[in-house]
Amino acid sequence: MEVTEKAIRDALKGVKDPELNIDLVTLGLVYDIQVEGTSAKAIISLTSPMCPVAGEIVDQARLAIAKVEGVETAEVQLTFDPPWTPERISPLIRSSLGL
């Protein structure tokens, strides 16, 4: 089975920010997904560069990607460029959060 960006994005919906209890995709924390054959890489951010569970979130994202059928190599890169802001959340979700 061919690995797709959609499959990786769907897998990352299972990884939640522990403080907000909302998944990385909905929060707009997934900046980029690259798929080459059986290798998949996601570039993600966090709501704060001082996040005390940053390593845990990155590990959970890597594991989620690795579980996608066809993925043999999973990589997650953390970036803060550009810094995350609540504007990356879809307007409907942002409204429900009172942001």
Protein backbone atom coordinates (compact mmCIF):
# COMPACT_ATOMS: atom_id res chain seq x y z
CA MET A 1 0.00 0.00 0.00
CA GLU A 2 1.25 3.46 -0.91
CA VAL A 3 1.88 5.82 1.99
CA THR A 4 0.05 9.13 1.54
CA GLU A 5 0.21 12.52 3.19
CA LYS A 6 -3.47 12.09 4.14
CA ALA A 7 -2.71 8.82 5.95
CA ILE A 8 0.07 10.52 7.93
CA ARG A 9 -2.16 13.51 8.74
CA ASP A 10 -4.94 11.14 9.87
CA ALA A 11 -2.48 9.30 12.13
CA LEU A 12 -1.35 12.58 13.69
CA LYS A 13 -4.98 13.34 14.60
CA GLY A 14 -4.50 10.70 17.28
CA VAL A 15 -1.78 12.73 19.03
CA LYS A 16 -3.16 15.31 21.43
CA ASP A 17 -1.69 18.33 23.11
CA PRO A 18 -2.01 17.30 26.77
CA GLU A 19 -2.84 20.79 27.99
CA LEU A 20 -5.63 21.54 25.50
CA ASN A 21 -6.63 17.91 24.82
CA ILE A 22 -6.92 18.71 21.11
CA ASP A 23 -5.03 16.88 18.39
CA LEU A 24 -1.98 18.31 16.61
CA VAL A 25 -3.74 18.61 13.24
CA THR A 26 -6.74 20.54 14.58
CA LEU A 27 -4.44 22.87 16.50
CA GLY A 28 -2.50 23.63 13.33
CA LEU A 29 0.71 22.23 14.81
CA VAL A 30 1.52 20.10 11.75
CA TYR A 31 3.51 22.40 9.48
CA ASP A 32 4.58 19.95 6.78
CA ILE A 33 4.41 16.28 5.83
CA GLN A 34 6.83 14.67 3.40
CA VAL A 35 6.43 11.15 2.04
CA GLU A 36 9.03 9.38 -0.08
CA GLY A 37 8.24 5.74 -0.71
CA THR A 38 8.12 4.04 2.69
CA SER A 39 9.63 7.02 4.57
CA ALA A 40 7.48 9.69 6.17
CA LYS A 41 8.52 12.87 7.90
CA ALA A 42 6.38 15.40 9.73
CA ILE A 43 7.47 18.85 10.76
CA ILE A 44 5.50 19.93 13.79
CA SER A 45 5.47 22.69 16.34
CA LEU A 46 4.14 23.04 19.86
CA THR A 47 1.90 25.64 21.43
CA SER A 48 4.90 26.81 23.47
CA PRO A 49 8.66 26.38 23.05
CA MET A 50 8.80 25.83 26.82
CA CYS A 51 6.44 22.83 26.68
CA PRO A 52 7.52 20.43 29.45
CA VAL A 53 6.28 17.37 27.49
CA ALA A 54 7.80 18.29 24.11
CA GLY A 55 9.80 15.07 23.92
CA GLU A 56 6.74 12.98 24.72
CA ILE A 57 4.65 14.68 22.02
CA VAL A 58 7.38 14.19 19.42
CA ASP A 59 7.69 10.51 20.41
CA GLN A 60 3.91 10.02 20.20
CA ALA A 61 3.85 11.64 16.76
CA ARG A 62 6.70 9.43 15.55
CA LEU A 63 4.94 6.30 16.85
CA ALA A 64 1.66 7.35 15.22
CA ILE A 65 3.40 7.78 11.87
CA ALA A 66 5.27 4.48 12.25
CA LYS A 67 1.94 2.65 12.70
CA VAL A 68 0.68 3.80 9.29
CA GLU A 69 0.51 0.86 6.92
CA GLY A 70 3.50 0.90 4.58
CA VAL A 71 5.69 3.21 6.66
CA GLU A 72 9.12 1.75 7.36
CA THR A 73 10.88 4.93 8.48
CA ALA A 74 9.13 7.61 10.55
CA GLU A 75 10.70 10.93 11.45
CA VAL A 76 9.36 13.94 13.32
CA GLN A 77 11.14 17.26 13.31
CA LEU A 78 10.25 19.97 15.81
CA THR A 79 10.30 23.60 14.68
CA PHE A 80 9.31 26.96 16.08
CA ASP A 81 9.73 28.83 12.81
CA PRO A 82 7.25 30.36 12.39
CA PRO A 83 6.08 30.36 15.99
CA TRP A 84 2.66 28.78 16.51
CA THR A 85 -0.25 31.12 17.21
CA PRO A 86 -3.93 30.35 17.83
CA GLU A 87 -4.69 31.73 14.35
CA ARG A 88 -3.46 28.36 12.99
CA ILE A 89 -6.53 26.71 14.54
CA SER A 90 -9.55 26.54 12.26
CA PRO A 91 -11.98 29.43 12.98
CA LEU A 92 -14.79 27.10 14.09
CA ILE A 93 -12.63 25.31 16.65
CA ARG A 94 -11.03 28.59 17.75
CA SER A 95 -14.49 30.02 18.36
CA SER A 96 -15.57 26.99 20.42
CA LEU A 97 -12.44 27.43 22.55
CA GLY A 98 -13.23 31.10 23.09
CA LEU A 99 -10.07 32.24 21.32
